Amino acid sequence: MLIINFLLTWLIAALSLLLTAYFVPGFQFDTFGTVAVAALTLGLVNAIVRPFLVILTLPLTLVTLGLFLFVVNAVMLLLVGFLVPGFVVAGFVPAILASIVLTIVSTVLGLLVRNVT
């Protein structure tokens, strides 16, 4: 059951990245294989690097009522864009927009899958 949950989460992340690339200019993939690798890399980066950034930026996050987390997410997307060949994040503004769209899309997809299963 654990492997099924992992694969479902990975598939949702990949689909979310694809939909985000459709809506955000400057956020692009070469192939579906690149999307799959980027989704896996984003999961690893969010598990390893993001907690440290969230703790370091906690005062700023509190002052902005949590909106600074979109900046943290944008930095994670820029890092994945740097690490994964074929995954292009054209700058900070596309990363911020992608962060917002990706949050919305992945939340909606996650809710849809949770209601189906």
N, C-alpha and C. Protein backbone atom coordinates (compact mmCIF):
# COMPACT_ATOMS: atom_id res chain seq x y z
N MET A 1 0.82 -1.20 0.00
CA MET A 1 0.00 0.00 0.00
C MET A 1 0.86 1.27 0.00
N LEU A 2 2.02 1.19 0.66
CA LEU A 2 2.91 2.35 0.73
C LEU A 2 3.43 2.73 -0.65
N ILE A 3 3.77 1.74 -1.45
CA ILE A 3 4.30 2.02 -2.80
C ILE A 3 3.21 2.62 -3.69
N ILE A 4 1.97 2.20 -3.50
CA ILE A 4 0.86 2.75 -4.28
C ILE A 4 0.66 4.22 -3.92
N ASN A 5 0.72 4.55 -2.63
CA ASN A 5 0.58 5.94 -2.20
C ASN A 5 1.72 6.80 -2.75
N PHE A 6 2.94 6.24 -2.75
CA PHE A 6 4.08 6.98 -3.29
C PHE A 6 3.89 7.25 -4.78
N LEU A 7 3.51 6.22 -5.52
CA LEU A 7 3.32 6.38 -6.97
C LEU A 7 2.18 7.34 -7.28
N LEU A 8 1.11 7.29 -6.50
CA LEU A 8 -0.01 8.20 -6.71
C LEU A 8 0.40 9.64 -6.42
N THR A 9 1.14 9.85 -5.37
CA THR A 9 1.63 11.19 -5.03
C THR A 9 2.57 11.70 -6.11
N TRP A 10 3.44 10.84 -6.60
CA TRP A 10 4.37 11.21 -7.66
C TRP A 10 3.63 11.55 -8.94
N LEU A 11 2.60 10.78 -9.29
CA LEU A 11 1.80 11.04 -10.48
C LEU A 11 1.05 12.37 -10.36
N ILE A 12 0.50 12.65 -9.19
CA ILE A 12 -0.19 13.93 -8.95
C ILE A 12 0.80 15.09 -9.10
N ALA A 13 2.00 14.93 -8.55
CA ALA A 13 3.02 15.97 -8.66
C ALA A 13 3.40 16.22 -10.11
N ALA A 14 3.58 15.14 -10.88
CA ALA A 14 3.95 15.27 -12.29
C ALA A 14 2.82 15.94 -13.08
N LEU A 15 1.60 15.51 -12.84
CA LEU A 15 0.45 16.12 -13.52
C LEU A 15 0.30 17.59 -13.14
N SER A 16 0.54 17.90 -11.88
CA SER A 16 0.47 19.29 -11.42
C SER A 16 1.53 20.15 -12.11
N LEU A 17 2.72 19.60 -12.27
CA LEU A 17 3.78 20.34 -12.96
C LEU A 17 3.42 20.55 -14.43
N LEU A 18 2.84 19.53 -15.07
CA LEU A 18 2.42 19.68 -16.46
C LEU A 18 1.36 20.76 -16.62
N LEU A 19 0.37 20.75 -15.76
CA LEU A 19 -0.69 21.76 -15.83
C LEU A 19 -0.14 23.15 -15.54
N THR A 20 0.77 23.24 -14.60
CA THR A 20 1.39 24.53 -14.29
C THR A 20 2.17 25.05 -15.49
N ALA A 21 2.89 24.16 -16.17
CA ALA A 21 3.63 24.58 -17.36
C ALA A 21 2.70 25.06 -18.46
N TYR A 22 1.50 24.53 -18.51
CA TYR A 22 0.52 24.97 -19.49
C TYR A 22 0.05 26.40 -19.22
N PHE A 23 -0.09 26.76 -17.94
CA PHE A 23 -0.65 28.06 -17.57
C PHE A 23 0.39 29.15 -17.35
N VAL A 24 1.62 28.79 -17.03
CA VAL A 24 2.63 29.80 -16.67
C VAL A 24 3.69 29.90 -17.77
N PRO A 25 3.78 31.06 -18.42
CA PRO A 25 4.85 31.24 -19.41
C PRO A 25 6.21 31.32 -18.70
N GLY A 26 7.22 30.74 -19.32
CA GLY A 26 8.55 30.72 -18.71
C GLY A 26 8.77 29.54 -17.80
N PHE A 27 7.83 28.62 -17.78
CA PHE A 27 7.91 27.41 -16.96
C PHE A 27 7.67 26.25 -17.93
N GLN A 28 8.75 25.57 -18.36
CA GLN A 28 8.64 24.63 -19.47
C GLN A 28 9.39 23.33 -19.21
N PHE A 29 8.94 22.29 -19.92
CA PHE A 29 9.59 20.98 -19.90
C PHE A 29 9.88 20.54 -21.32
N ASP A 30 10.94 19.76 -21.49
CA ASP A 30 11.24 19.20 -22.81
C ASP A 30 10.38 17.98 -23.11
N THR A 31 10.37 17.02 -22.19
CA THR A 31 9.66 15.76 -22.40
C THR A 31 8.90 15.37 -21.15
N PHE A 32 8.05 14.33 -21.30
CA PHE A 32 7.35 13.84 -20.11
C PHE A 32 8.33 13.19 -19.13
N GLY A 33 9.41 12.61 -19.64
CA GLY A 33 10.44 12.06 -18.76
C GLY A 33 11.05 13.13 -17.88
N THR A 34 11.23 14.31 -18.46
CA THR A 34 11.74 15.44 -17.69
C THR A 34 10.76 15.82 -16.59
N VAL A 35 9.47 15.78 -16.89
CA VAL A 35 8.45 16.08 -15.89
C VAL A 35 8.51 15.08 -14.75
N ALA A 36 8.68 13.80 -15.09
CA ALA A 36 8.74 12.75 -14.08
C ALA A 36 9.96 12.94 -13.17
N VAL A 37 11.10 13.24 -13.77
CA VAL A 37 12.32 13.47 -12.98
C VAL A 37 12.18 14.73 -12.14
N ALA A 38 11.59 15.78 -12.70
CA ALA A 38 11.41 17.03 -11.97
C ALA A 38 10.46 16.83 -10.79
N ALA A 39 9.41 16.04 -10.96
CA ALA A 39 8.47 15.78 -9.87
C ALA A 39 9.17 15.04 -8.73
N LEU A 40 9.98 14.06 -9.08
CA LEU A 40 10.73 13.32 -8.07
C LEU A 40 11.74 14.23 -7.37
N THR A 41 12.45 15.02 -8.15
CA THR A 41 13.45 15.94 -7.59
C THR A 41 12.78 16.99 -6.71
N LEU A 42 11.63 17.50 -7.13
CA LEU A 42 10.92 18.49 -6.32
C LEU A 42 10.49 17.88 -4.99
N GLY A 43 10.06 16.64 -5.02
CA GLY A 43 9.71 15.97 -3.76
C GLY A 43 10.90 15.84 -2.83
N LEU A 44 12.05 15.47 -3.39
CA LEU A 44 13.26 15.35 -2.57
C LEU A 44 13.72 16.70 -2.03
N VAL A 45 13.70 17.72 -2.88
CA VAL A 45 14.11 19.06 -2.46
C VAL A 45 13.16 19.59 -1.39
N ASN A 46 11.86 19.34 -1.57
CA ASN A 46 10.89 19.79 -0.56
C ASN A 46 11.06 19.04 0.76
N ALA A 47 11.52 17.81 0.70
CA ALA A 47 11.72 17.03 1.92
C ALA A 47 13.02 17.38 2.64
N ILE A 48 14.04 17.79 1.88
CA ILE A 48 15.36 18.00 2.48
C ILE A 48 15.68 19.48 2.70
N VAL A 49 15.53 20.30 1.67
CA VAL A 49 15.97 21.71 1.74
C VAL A 49 14.88 22.62 2.31
N ARG A 50 13.64 22.41 1.89
CA ARG A 50 12.55 23.32 2.25
C ARG A 50 12.38 23.51 3.77
N PRO A 51 12.46 22.44 4.58
CA PRO A 51 12.29 22.66 6.03
C PRO A 51 13.30 23.65 6.62
N PHE A 52 14.54 23.60 6.13
CA PHE A 52 15.54 24.55 6.62
C PHE A 52 15.19 25.98 6.23
N LEU A 53 14.76 26.17 4.99
CA LEU A 53 14.38 27.51 4.55
C LEU A 53 13.15 28.02 5.29
N VAL A 54 12.22 27.15 5.55
CA VAL A 54 11.01 27.56 6.28
C VAL A 54 11.38 28.02 7.69
N ILE A 55 12.26 27.29 8.35
CA ILE A 55 12.68 27.68 9.70
C ILE A 55 13.47 28.99 9.67
N LEU A 56 14.37 29.12 8.69
CA LEU A 56 15.18 30.34 8.60
C LEU A 56 14.35 31.58 8.29
N THR A 57 13.28 31.41 7.53
CA THR A 57 12.45 32.55 7.13
C THR A 57 11.17 32.66 7.95
N LEU A 58 11.09 31.96 9.06
CA LEU A 58 9.88 31.96 9.88
C LEU A 58 9.43 33.36 10.31
N PRO A 59 10.33 34.24 10.78
CA PRO A 59 9.86 35.58 11.15
C PRO A 59 9.22 36.33 9.99
N LEU A 60 9.83 36.25 8.81
CA LEU A 60 9.29 36.92 7.63
C LEU A 60 7.96 36.28 7.20
N THR A 61 7.87 34.98 7.34
CA THR A 61 6.63 34.28 7.01
C THR A 61 5.51 34.71 7.96
N LEU A 62 5.82 34.86 9.23
CA LEU A 62 4.80 35.30 10.19
C LEU A 62 4.34 36.73 9.91
N VAL A 63 5.29 37.61 9.58
CA VAL A 63 4.94 39.00 9.30
C VAL A 63 4.05 39.11 8.06
N THR A 64 4.31 38.27 7.07
CA THR A 64 3.53 38.32 5.83
C THR A 64 2.31 37.39 5.87
N LEU A 65 2.02 36.86 7.05
CA LEU A 65 0.87 35.97 7.25
C LEU A 65 0.93 34.74 6.36
N GLY A 66 2.13 34.23 6.14
CA GLY A 66 2.32 33.00 5.39
C GLY A 66 2.56 33.18 3.91
N LEU A 67 2.39 34.38 3.40
CA LEU A 67 2.56 34.59 1.96
C LEU A 67 4.01 34.41 1.51
N PHE A 68 4.96 34.58 2.42
CA PHE A 68 6.36 34.41 2.05
C PHE A 68 6.66 32.96 1.67
N LEU A 69 5.80 32.03 2.06
CA LEU A 69 6.01 30.63 1.68
C LEU A 69 5.95 30.45 0.16
N PHE A 70 5.22 31.33 -0.53
CA PHE A 70 5.24 31.27 -1.99
C PHE A 70 6.63 31.59 -2.53
N VAL A 71 7.34 32.48 -1.86
CA VAL A 71 8.72 32.79 -2.25
C VAL A 71 9.62 31.59 -1.99
N VAL A 72 9.43 30.94 -0.85
CA VAL A 72 10.21 29.74 -0.53
C VAL A 72 9.94 28.66 -1.58
N ASN A 73 8.68 28.47 -1.94
CA ASN A 73 8.33 27.49 -2.97
C ASN A 73 8.94 27.86 -4.32
N ALA A 74 8.97 29.15 -4.63
CA ALA A 74 9.59 29.60 -5.88
C ALA A 74 11.08 29.28 -5.90
N VAL A 75 11.74 29.47 -4.78
CA VAL A 75 13.16 29.14 -4.68
C VAL A 75 13.36 27.63 -4.89
N MET A 76 12.45 26.82 -4.36
CA MET A 76 12.55 25.37 -4.57
C MET A 76 12.39 25.03 -6.05
N LEU A 77 11.48 25.70 -6.73
CA LEU A 77 11.29 25.46 -8.17
C LEU A 77 12.52 25.90 -8.96
N LEU A 78 13.11 27.02 -8.58
CA LEU A 78 14.33 27.48 -9.25
C LEU A 78 15.47 26.49 -9.03
N LEU A 79 15.56 25.92 -7.83
CA LEU A 79 16.60 24.93 -7.55
C LEU A 79 16.39 23.67 -8.39
N VAL A 80 15.16 23.22 -8.49
CA VAL A 80 14.87 22.04 -9.33
C VAL A 80 15.15 22.35 -10.79
N GLY A 81 14.83 23.56 -11.23
CA GLY A 81 15.15 23.97 -12.60
C GLY A 81 16.64 23.96 -12.86
N PHE A 82 17.42 24.27 -11.84
CA PHE A 82 18.88 24.23 -11.97
C PHE A 82 19.39 22.79 -12.01
N LEU A 83 18.76 21.91 -11.25
CA LEU A 83 19.23 20.53 -11.12
C LEU A 83 18.79 19.61 -12.26
N VAL A 84 17.61 19.85 -12.83
CA VAL A 84 17.04 18.93 -13.82
C VAL A 84 17.22 19.52 -15.22
N PRO A 85 18.01 18.86 -16.06
CA PRO A 85 18.15 19.32 -17.44
C PRO A 85 16.83 19.16 -18.20
N GLY A 86 16.48 20.17 -18.98
CA GLY A 86 15.23 20.12 -19.74
C GLY A 86 14.06 20.74 -19.03
N PHE A 87 14.24 21.11 -17.76
CA PHE A 87 13.21 21.79 -16.98
C PHE A 87 13.65 23.24 -16.85
N VAL A 88 12.86 24.15 -17.44
CA VAL A 88 13.26 25.55 -17.52
C VAL A 88 12.33 26.41 -16.68
N VAL A 89 12.91 27.14 -15.75
CA VAL A 89 12.20 28.19 -15.03
C VAL A 89 12.93 29.48 -15.41
N ALA A 90 12.25 30.32 -16.19
CA ALA A 90 12.91 31.44 -16.86
C ALA A 90 13.26 32.61 -15.95
N GLY A 91 12.93 32.55 -14.69
CA GLY A 91 13.27 33.64 -13.79
C GLY A 91 12.44 33.59 -12.53
N PHE A 92 12.61 34.64 -11.71
CA PHE A 92 11.93 34.66 -10.42
C PHE A 92 10.42 34.87 -10.56
N VAL A 93 10.00 35.74 -11.47
CA VAL A 93 8.56 35.99 -11.63
C VAL A 93 7.83 34.74 -12.12
N PRO A 94 8.34 34.04 -13.15
CA PRO A 94 7.68 32.79 -13.51
C PRO A 94 7.69 31.77 -12.37
N ALA A 95 8.75 31.77 -11.55
CA ALA A 95 8.82 30.85 -10.42
C ALA A 95 7.74 31.18 -9.38
N ILE A 96 7.53 32.48 -9.11
CA ILE A 96 6.48 32.88 -8.17
C ILE A 96 5.10 32.49 -8.71
N LEU A 97 4.85 32.81 -9.97
CA LEU A 97 3.56 32.46 -10.58
C LEU A 97 3.36 30.95 -10.59
N ALA A 98 4.41 30.21 -10.92
CA ALA A 98 4.33 28.75 -10.93
C ALA A 98 4.09 28.22 -9.52
N SER A 99 4.68 28.86 -8.53
CA SER A 99 4.47 28.45 -7.14
C SER A 99 3.00 28.56 -6.75
N ILE A 100 2.39 29.66 -7.13
CA ILE A 100 0.98 29.89 -6.81
C ILE A 100 0.09 28.90 -7.57
N VAL A 101 0.32 28.78 -8.87
CA VAL A 101 -0.50 27.88 -9.69
C VAL A 101 -0.29 26.43 -9.26
N LEU A 102 0.95 26.04 -9.00
CA LEU A 102 1.25 24.67 -8.59
C LEU A 102 0.58 24.33 -7.26
N THR A 103 0.54 25.26 -6.35
CA THR A 103 -0.14 25.03 -5.07
C THR A 103 -1.62 24.78 -5.29
N ILE A 104 -2.24 25.60 -6.12
CA ILE A 104 -3.68 25.46 -6.38
C ILE A 104 -3.97 24.15 -7.11
N VAL A 105 -3.21 23.88 -8.16
CA VAL A 105 -3.46 22.67 -8.96
C VAL A 105 -3.23 21.40 -8.16
N SER A 106 -2.13 21.34 -7.43
CA SER A 106 -1.85 20.12 -6.66
C SER A 106 -2.85 19.92 -5.53
N THR A 107 -3.34 21.00 -4.95
CA THR A 107 -4.37 20.88 -3.92
C THR A 107 -5.66 20.33 -4.50
N VAL A 108 -6.08 20.88 -5.64
CA VAL A 108 -7.32 20.40 -6.28
C VAL A 108 -7.18 18.95 -6.71
N LEU A 109 -6.07 18.61 -7.34
CA LEU A 109 -5.87 17.22 -7.77
C LEU A 109 -5.81 16.27 -6.57
N GLY A 110 -5.13 16.69 -5.53
CA GLY A 110 -5.06 15.86 -4.31
C GLY A 110 -6.43 15.62 -3.71
N LEU A 111 -7.26 16.65 -3.68
CA LEU A 111 -8.62 16.50 -3.15
C LEU A 111 -9.46 15.59 -4.03
N LEU A 112 -9.31 15.71 -5.34
CA LEU A 112 -10.05 14.85 -6.26
C LEU A 112 -9.66 13.39 -6.09
N VAL A 113 -8.37 13.12 -5.97
CA VAL A 113 -7.90 11.75 -5.81
C VAL A 113 -8.33 11.21 -4.46
N ARG A 114 -8.27 12.01 -3.43
CA ARG A 114 -8.67 11.56 -2.10
C ARG A 114 -10.16 11.20 -2.07
N ASN A 115 -10.97 11.97 -2.78
CA ASN A 115 -12.40 11.68 -2.82
C ASN A 115 -12.72 10.45 -3.64
N VAL A 116 -11.89 10.13 -4.61
CA VAL A 116 -12.13 8.96 -5.46
C VAL A 116 -11.71 7.68 -4.76
N THR A 117 -10.59 7.73 -4.03
CA THR A 117 -10.07 6.51 -3.39
C THR A 117 -10.70 6.21 -2.07
